Amino acid sequence: MKSRLSLLLVIGLLFSQPAWAAEYKLGKEHTTVGFKIRHLFSWVQGTFNEFDGQFTYDPDKPETWKVDAVIQAKSIDTHNEKRDTHLSSADFFDVEKFPTLSFKSTGVHDATKSNAKLDGILTLHGVEKPVTLDLEIHGAGKDPWGNMLSGFTATTKINRKDFGLSWNQSVETGQLLVGEEVLITIEVEGVLLEETK
């Protein structure tokens, strides 16, 4: 009788866990890695179109959240081929020498049901720096085809010169051609990995 009660207790604990407390893979069709930077009197926007990554998400246990993502530097896209070639050169990303950017989380704080701050290490142009992503949490659930999804918006600001991206030119007015602050916005949709269901 005692062993039967113990078995029932274990089964009850297993089935009480949230269905979405697991590993997710970035859904490339609905994830966008975007940025914008000042160019004289306007802003230039762009994306990185090739990336991969996974994250752990349990809405009730933010202390367990983890993110590990890698971006291919050569996939930069600002809708201008000449500019993209320059950005890929040694003046900026130097993609031949530094082919990837990466982010690896180190912790979470100030977490609520709708927001959180995700700390991590950003590696860019061969330089590692701590950054904090402001997360807007959109929730988790199944799509019409039965796939478990979760979604977030992550934003942060960095100074490109902190990562050795210091190229610039001045114009007649004395202003610099390219701004230093980069605004980063990542729209994330994760797909639950099959083996973790």
C-alpha atoms as a PDB file:
ATOM      1  CA  MET A   1       0.000   0.000   0.000  1.00  0.00           C
ATOM      2  CA  LYS A   2       2.817   2.342   0.954  1.00  0.00           C
ATOM      3  CA  SER A   3       4.730   1.699  -2.296  1.00  0.00           C
ATOM      4  CA  ARG A   4       1.567   2.268  -4.315  1.00  0.00           C
ATOM      5  CA  LEU A   5       1.015   5.670  -2.686  1.00  0.00           C
ATOM      6  CA  SER A   6       4.628   6.611  -3.400  1.00  0.00           C
ATOM      7  CA  LEU A   7       4.218   5.649  -7.065  1.00  0.00           C
ATOM      8  CA  LEU A   8       1.043   7.711  -7.363  1.00  0.00           C
ATOM      9  CA  LEU A   9       2.819  10.684  -5.762  1.00  0.00           C
ATOM     10  CA  VAL A  10       5.700  10.468  -8.271  1.00  0.00           C
ATOM     11  CA  ILE A  11       3.281  10.241 -11.212  1.00  0.00           C
ATOM     12  CA  GLY A  12       1.337  13.216  -9.897  1.00  0.00           C
ATOM     13  CA  LEU A  13       4.492  15.315  -9.619  1.00  0.00           C
ATOM     14  CA  LEU A  14       5.552  14.425 -13.156  1.00  0.00           C
ATOM     15  CA  PHE A  15       2.243  15.396 -14.701  1.00  0.00           C
ATOM     16  CA  SER A  16       1.992  18.604 -12.686  1.00  0.00           C
ATOM     17  CA  GLN A  17       5.016  20.098 -14.483  1.00  0.00           C
ATOM     18  CA  PRO A  18       4.241  22.759 -17.167  1.00  0.00           C
ATOM     19  CA  ALA A  19       4.109  21.247 -20.661  1.00  0.00           C
ATOM     20  CA  TRP A  20       6.395  23.996 -22.021  1.00  0.00           C
ATOM     21  CA  ALA A  21       9.208  23.710 -19.445  1.00  0.00           C
ATOM     22  CA  ALA A  22      11.822  22.558 -21.925  1.00  0.00           C
ATOM     23  CA  GLU A  23      14.376  23.304 -24.600  1.00  0.00           C
ATOM     24  CA  TYR A  24      13.388  25.421 -27.582  1.00  0.00           C
ATOM     25  CA  LYS A  25      15.138  25.911 -30.905  1.00  0.00           C
ATOM     26  CA  LEU A  26      14.991  29.276 -32.644  1.00  0.00           C
ATOM     27  CA  GLY A  27      12.292  29.190 -35.317  1.00  0.00           C
ATOM     28  CA  LYS A  28      14.086  30.856 -38.218  1.00  0.00           C
ATOM     29  CA  GLU A  29      10.904  31.642 -40.143  1.00  0.00           C
ATOM     30  CA  HIS A  30       9.584  33.816 -37.314  1.00  0.00           C
ATOM     31  CA  THR A  31      12.763  35.100 -35.659  1.00  0.00           C
ATOM     32  CA  THR A  32      14.437  38.358 -36.703  1.00  0.00           C
ATOM     33  CA  VAL A  33      17.841  39.599 -35.550  1.00  0.00           C
ATOM     34  CA  GLY A  34      17.660  43.327 -36.245  1.00  0.00           C
ATOM     35  CA  PHE A  35      19.642  46.487 -35.535  1.00  0.00           C
ATOM     36  CA  LYS A  36      19.706  50.161 -36.413  1.00  0.00           C
ATOM     37  CA  ILE A  37      22.384  52.832 -36.286  1.00  0.00           C
ATOM     38  CA  ARG A  38      22.520  56.543 -37.007  1.00  0.00           C
ATOM     39  CA  HIS A  39      23.775  57.686 -40.425  1.00  0.00           C
ATOM     40  CA  LEU A  40      24.101  61.494 -40.423  1.00  0.00           C
ATOM     41  CA  PHE A  41      20.465  62.684 -40.293  1.00  0.00           C
ATOM     42  CA  SER A  42      18.669  59.334 -40.474  1.00  0.00           C
ATOM     43  CA  TRP A  43      18.808  55.748 -39.230  1.00  0.00           C
ATOM     44  CA  VAL A  44      19.982  52.709 -41.176  1.00  0.00           C
ATOM     45  CA  GLN A  45      18.287  49.438 -40.303  1.00  0.00           C
ATOM     46  CA  GLY A  46      19.534  45.942 -40.984  1.00  0.00           C
ATOM     47  CA  THR A  47      19.327  42.290 -40.055  1.00  0.00           C
ATOM     48  CA  PHE A  48      21.498  39.210 -39.778  1.00  0.00           C
ATOM     49  CA  ASN A  49      19.760  36.507 -41.780  1.00  0.00           C
ATOM     50  CA  GLU A  50      21.732  33.409 -40.777  1.00  0.00           C
ATOM     51  CA  PHE A  51      21.703  32.299 -37.147  1.00  0.00           C
ATOM     52  CA  ASP A  52      21.096  29.327 -34.899  1.00  0.00           C
ATOM     53  CA  GLY A  53      20.410  28.827 -31.239  1.00  0.00           C
ATOM     54  CA  GLN A  54      18.518  27.226 -28.391  1.00  0.00           C
ATOM     55  CA  PHE A  55      17.010  28.407 -25.140  1.00  0.00           C
ATOM     56  CA  THR A  56      15.488  26.918 -22.018  1.00  0.00           C
ATOM     57  CA  TYR A  57      12.227  28.436 -20.842  1.00  0.00           C
ATOM     58  CA  ASP A  58      10.012  27.585 -17.893  1.00  0.00           C
ATOM     59  CA  PRO A  59       7.686  30.526 -17.149  1.00  0.00           C
ATOM     60  CA  ASP A  60       7.610  29.645 -13.444  1.00  0.00           C
ATOM     61  CA  LYS A  61      11.371  29.196 -12.997  1.00  0.00           C
ATOM     62  CA  PRO A  62      13.317  32.132 -14.468  1.00  0.00           C
ATOM     63  CA  GLU A  63      16.414  30.967 -12.606  1.00  0.00           C
ATOM     64  CA  THR A  64      16.581  28.052 -15.079  1.00  0.00           C
ATOM     65  CA  TRP A  65      16.373  30.163 -18.258  1.00  0.00           C
ATOM     66  CA  LYS A  66      19.333  29.808 -20.605  1.00  0.00           C
ATOM     67  CA  VAL A  67      20.169  31.114 -24.076  1.00  0.00           C
ATOM     68  CA  ASP A  68      22.960  30.147 -26.462  1.00  0.00           C
ATOM     69  CA  ALA A  69      22.917  31.670 -29.962  1.00  0.00           C
ATOM     70  CA  VAL A  70      25.351  32.133 -32.856  1.00  0.00           C
ATOM     71  CA  ILE A  71      25.004  34.587 -35.770  1.00  0.00           C
ATOM     72  CA  GLN A  72      26.872  34.426 -39.080  1.00  0.00           C
ATOM     73  CA  ALA A  73      28.477  37.834 -39.611  1.00  0.00           C
ATOM     74  CA  LYS A  74      28.523  37.490 -43.399  1.00  0.00           C
ATOM     75  CA  SER A  75      24.707  37.374 -43.424  1.00  0.00           C
ATOM     76  CA  ILE A  76      24.401  41.090 -42.629  1.00  0.00           C
ATOM     77  CA  ASP A  77      21.695  42.712 -44.759  1.00  0.00           C
ATOM     78  CA  THR A  78      20.957  46.450 -44.910  1.00  0.00           C
ATOM     79  CA  HIS A  79      19.274  46.262 -48.335  1.00  0.00           C
ATOM     80  CA  ASN A  80      22.293  47.857 -49.979  1.00  0.00           C
ATOM     81  CA  GLU A  81      24.912  45.539 -51.479  1.00  0.00           C
ATOM     82  CA  LYS A  82      27.717  48.103 -51.534  1.00  0.00           C
ATOM     83  CA  ARG A  83      27.131  49.024 -47.881  1.00  0.00           C
ATOM     84  CA  ASP A  84      26.915  45.363 -46.845  1.00  0.00           C
ATOM     85  CA  THR A  85      30.245  44.677 -48.542  1.00  0.00           C
ATOM     86  CA  HIS A  86      31.816  47.561 -46.620  1.00  0.00           C
ATOM     87  CA  LEU A  87      30.297  46.370 -43.335  1.00  0.00           C
ATOM     88  CA  SER A  88      31.732  42.895 -43.966  1.00  0.00           C
ATOM     89  CA  SER A  89      35.226  44.288 -44.598  1.00  0.00           C
ATOM     90  CA  ALA A  90      38.073  44.882 -42.137  1.00  0.00           C
ATOM     91  CA  ASP A  91      36.726  48.415 -41.530  1.00  0.00           C
ATOM     92  CA  PHE A  92      33.813  46.914 -39.594  1.00  0.00           C
ATOM     93  CA  PHE A  93      32.948  43.260 -38.907  1.00  0.00           C
ATOM     94  CA  ASP A  94      35.952  41.755 -40.723  1.00  0.00           C
ATOM     95  CA  VAL A  95      33.960  38.589 -41.415  1.00  0.00           C
ATOM     96  CA  GLU A  96      36.952  36.662 -42.773  1.00  0.00           C
ATOM     97  CA  LYS A  97      38.715  36.969 -39.423  1.00  0.00           C
ATOM     98  CA  PHE A  98      35.627  36.998 -37.176  1.00  0.00           C
ATOM     99  CA  PRO A  99      32.949  34.922 -38.948  1.00  0.00           C
ATOM    100  CA  THR A 100      30.468  34.754 -36.064  1.00  0.00           C
ATOM    101  CA  LEU A 101      28.797  36.777 -33.341  1.00  0.00           C
ATOM    102  CA  SER A 102      27.476  34.957 -30.296  1.00  0.00           C
ATOM    103  CA  PHE A 103      25.424  35.462 -27.157  1.00  0.00           C
ATOM    104  CA  LYS A 104      25.508  33.174 -24.120  1.00  0.00           C
ATOM    105  CA  SER A 105      23.328  33.962 -21.119  1.00  0.00           C
ATOM    106  CA  THR A 106      24.706  34.168 -17.578  1.00  0.00           C
ATOM    107  CA  GLY A 107      21.562  34.891 -15.543  1.00  0.00           C
ATOM    108  CA  VAL A 108      18.117  36.448 -15.259  1.00  0.00           C
ATOM    109  CA  HIS A 109      16.780  39.110 -12.909  1.00  0.00           C
ATOM    110  CA  ASP A 110      13.728  41.338 -12.395  1.00  0.00           C
ATOM    111  CA  ALA A 111      11.536  38.634 -13.932  1.00  0.00           C
ATOM    112  CA  THR A 112       7.743  38.966 -14.029  1.00  0.00           C
ATOM    113  CA  LYS A 113       5.113  37.221 -16.138  1.00  0.00           C
ATOM    114  CA  SER A 114       5.572  39.778 -18.918  1.00  0.00           C
ATOM    115  CA  ASN A 115       9.123  41.136 -18.604  1.00  0.00           C
ATOM    116  CA  ALA A 116      12.626  40.219 -17.492  1.00  0.00           C
ATOM    117  CA  LYS A 117      16.258  41.200 -17.828  1.00  0.00           C
ATOM    118  CA  LEU A 118      18.578  38.591 -19.334  1.00  0.00           C
ATOM    119  CA  ASP A 119      22.297  38.990 -18.662  1.00  0.00           C
ATOM    120  CA  GLY A 120      24.885  37.441 -20.917  1.00  0.00           C
ATOM    121  CA  ILE A 121      28.157  37.706 -22.808  1.00  0.00           C
ATOM    122  CA  LEU A 122      28.089  39.120 -26.327  1.00  0.00           C
ATOM    123  CA  THR A 123      31.050  38.197 -28.510  1.00  0.00           C
ATOM    124  CA  LEU A 124      31.444  40.560 -31.458  1.00  0.00           C
ATOM    125  CA  HIS A 125      34.480  41.254 -33.640  1.00  0.00           C
ATOM    126  CA  GLY A 126      36.493  38.974 -31.328  1.00  0.00           C
ATOM    127  CA  VAL A 127      35.629  41.037 -28.234  1.00  0.00           C
ATOM    128  CA  GLU A 128      33.599  39.696 -25.297  1.00  0.00           C
ATOM    129  CA  LYS A 129      31.457  42.135 -23.290  1.00  0.00           C
ATOM    130  CA  PRO A 130      28.619  41.686 -20.785  1.00  0.00           C
ATOM    131  CA  VAL A 131      25.257  42.953 -22.025  1.00  0.00           C
ATOM    132  CA  THR A 132      21.718  42.877 -20.652  1.00  0.00           C
ATOM    133  CA  LEU A 133      18.732  42.143 -22.872  1.00  0.00           C
ATOM    134  CA  ASP A 134      15.377  43.642 -21.891  1.00  0.00           C
ATOM    135  CA  LEU A 135      12.835  40.891 -22.484  1.00  0.00           C
ATOM    136  CA  GLU A 136       9.172  41.311 -23.306  1.00  0.00           C
ATOM    137  CA  ILE A 137       7.566  37.913 -22.772  1.00  0.00           C
ATOM    138  CA  HIS A 138       4.752  37.069 -25.172  1.00  0.00           C
ATOM    139  CA  GLY A 139       3.833  33.664 -23.769  1.00  0.00           C
ATOM    140  CA  ALA A 140       3.782  30.022 -24.825  1.00  0.00           C
ATOM    141  CA  GLY A 141       1.261  27.694 -26.441  1.00  0.00           C
ATOM    142  CA  LYS A 142       0.484  25.422 -29.370  1.00  0.00           C
ATOM    143  CA  ASP A 143       0.008  26.515 -32.964  1.00  0.00           C
ATOM    144  CA  PRO A 144      -2.757  25.008 -35.195  1.00  0.00           C
ATOM    145  CA  TRP A 145      -0.418  22.137 -36.150  1.00  0.00           C
ATOM    146  CA  GLY A 146       0.305  21.097 -32.571  1.00  0.00           C
ATOM    147  CA  ASN A 147       3.781  22.617 -32.238  1.00  0.00           C
ATOM    148  CA  MET A 148       4.597  24.136 -28.850  1.00  0.00           C
ATOM    149  CA  LEU A 149       5.939  27.676 -29.331  1.00  0.00           C
ATOM    150  CA  SER A 150       7.133  30.515 -27.128  1.00  0.00           C
ATOM    151  CA  GLY A 151       7.901  34.103 -28.073  1.00  0.00           C
ATOM    152  CA  PHE A 152       9.845  37.129 -26.868  1.00  0.00           C
ATOM    153  CA  THR A 153      11.118  40.528 -27.918  1.00  0.00           C
ATOM    154  CA  ALA A 154      14.670  41.275 -26.736  1.00  0.00           C
ATOM    155  CA  THR A 155      16.199  44.750 -26.931  1.00  0.00           C
ATOM    156  CA  THR A 156      19.483  46.322 -25.889  1.00  0.00           C
ATOM    157  CA  LYS A 157      21.947  49.076 -26.807  1.00  0.00           C
ATOM    158  CA  ILE A 158      25.683  48.756 -27.346  1.00  0.00           C
ATOM    159  CA  ASN A 159      28.479  51.110 -28.324  1.00  0.00           C
ATOM    160  CA  ARG A 160      30.181  49.662 -31.392  1.00  0.00           C
ATOM    161  CA  LYS A 161      33.536  51.165 -30.361  1.00  0.00           C
ATOM    162  CA  ASP A 162      33.508  48.949 -27.247  1.00  0.00           C
ATOM    163  CA  PHE A 163      33.851  46.023 -29.662  1.00  0.00           C
ATOM    164  CA  GLY A 164      36.606  47.549 -31.784  1.00  0.00           C
ATOM    165  CA  LEU A 165      34.287  48.801 -34.557  1.00  0.00           C
ATOM    166  CA  SER A 166      35.693  52.306 -34.701  1.00  0.00           C
ATOM    167  CA  TRP A 167      35.757  53.235 -38.420  1.00  0.00           C
ATOM    168  CA  ASN A 168      34.223  56.609 -39.243  1.00  0.00           C
ATOM    169  CA  GLN A 169      34.471  59.653 -41.488  1.00  0.00           C
ATOM    170  CA  SER A 170      33.662  63.295 -40.927  1.00  0.00           C
ATOM    171  CA  VAL A 171      31.667  65.436 -43.391  1.00  0.00           C
ATOM    172  CA  GLU A 172      31.784  69.126 -44.291  1.00  0.00           C
ATOM    173  CA  THR A 173      29.731  70.135 -41.257  1.00  0.00           C
ATOM    174  CA  GLY A 174      32.160  68.338 -38.946  1.00  0.00           C
ATOM    175  CA  GLN A 175      29.644  65.638 -38.108  1.00  0.00           C
ATOM    176  CA  LEU A 176      30.582  61.980 -38.157  1.00  0.00           C
ATOM    177  CA  LEU A 177      29.121  59.790 -40.867  1.00  0.00           C
ATOM    178  CA  VAL A 178      28.199  56.841 -38.614  1.00  0.00           C
ATOM    179  CA  GLY A 179      26.854  56.875 -35.064  1.00  0.00           C
ATOM    180  CA  GLU A 180      28.407  54.902 -32.236  1.00  0.00           C
ATOM    181  CA  GLU A 181      25.274  53.596 -30.510  1.00  0.00           C
ATOM    182  CA  VAL A 182      23.659  50.496 -31.995  1.00  0.00           C
ATOM    183  CA  LEU A 183      20.058  49.649 -31.109  1.00  0.00           C
ATOM    184  CA  ILE A 184      19.418  45.908 -31.224  1.00  0.00           C
ATOM    185  CA  THR A 185      15.973  44.303 -31.451  1.00  0.00           C
ATOM    186  CA  ILE A 186      15.511  40.545 -31.647  1.00  0.00           C
ATOM    187  CA  GLU A 187      12.071  39.086 -32.290  1.00  0.00           C
ATOM    188  CA  VAL A 188      12.162  35.487 -31.112  1.00  0.00           C
ATOM    189  CA  GLU A 189       9.879  32.542 -31.703  1.00  0.00           C
ATOM    190  CA  GLY A 190      11.075  29.230 -30.316  1.00  0.00           C
ATOM    191  CA  VAL A 191       9.891  25.746 -31.271  1.00  0.00           C
ATOM    192  CA  LEU A 192       9.917  23.037 -28.619  1.00  0.00           C
ATOM    193  CA  LEU A 193      12.478  20.350 -29.419  1.00  0.00           C
ATOM    194  CA  GLU A 194      10.823  16.982 -30.031  1.00  0.00           C
ATOM    195  CA  GLU A 195      13.059  15.027 -27.714  1.00  0.00           C
ATOM    196  CA  THR A 196      12.157  17.241 -24.749  1.00  0.00           C
ATOM    197  CA  LYS A 197       8.357  16.793 -25.007  1.00  0.00           C
END
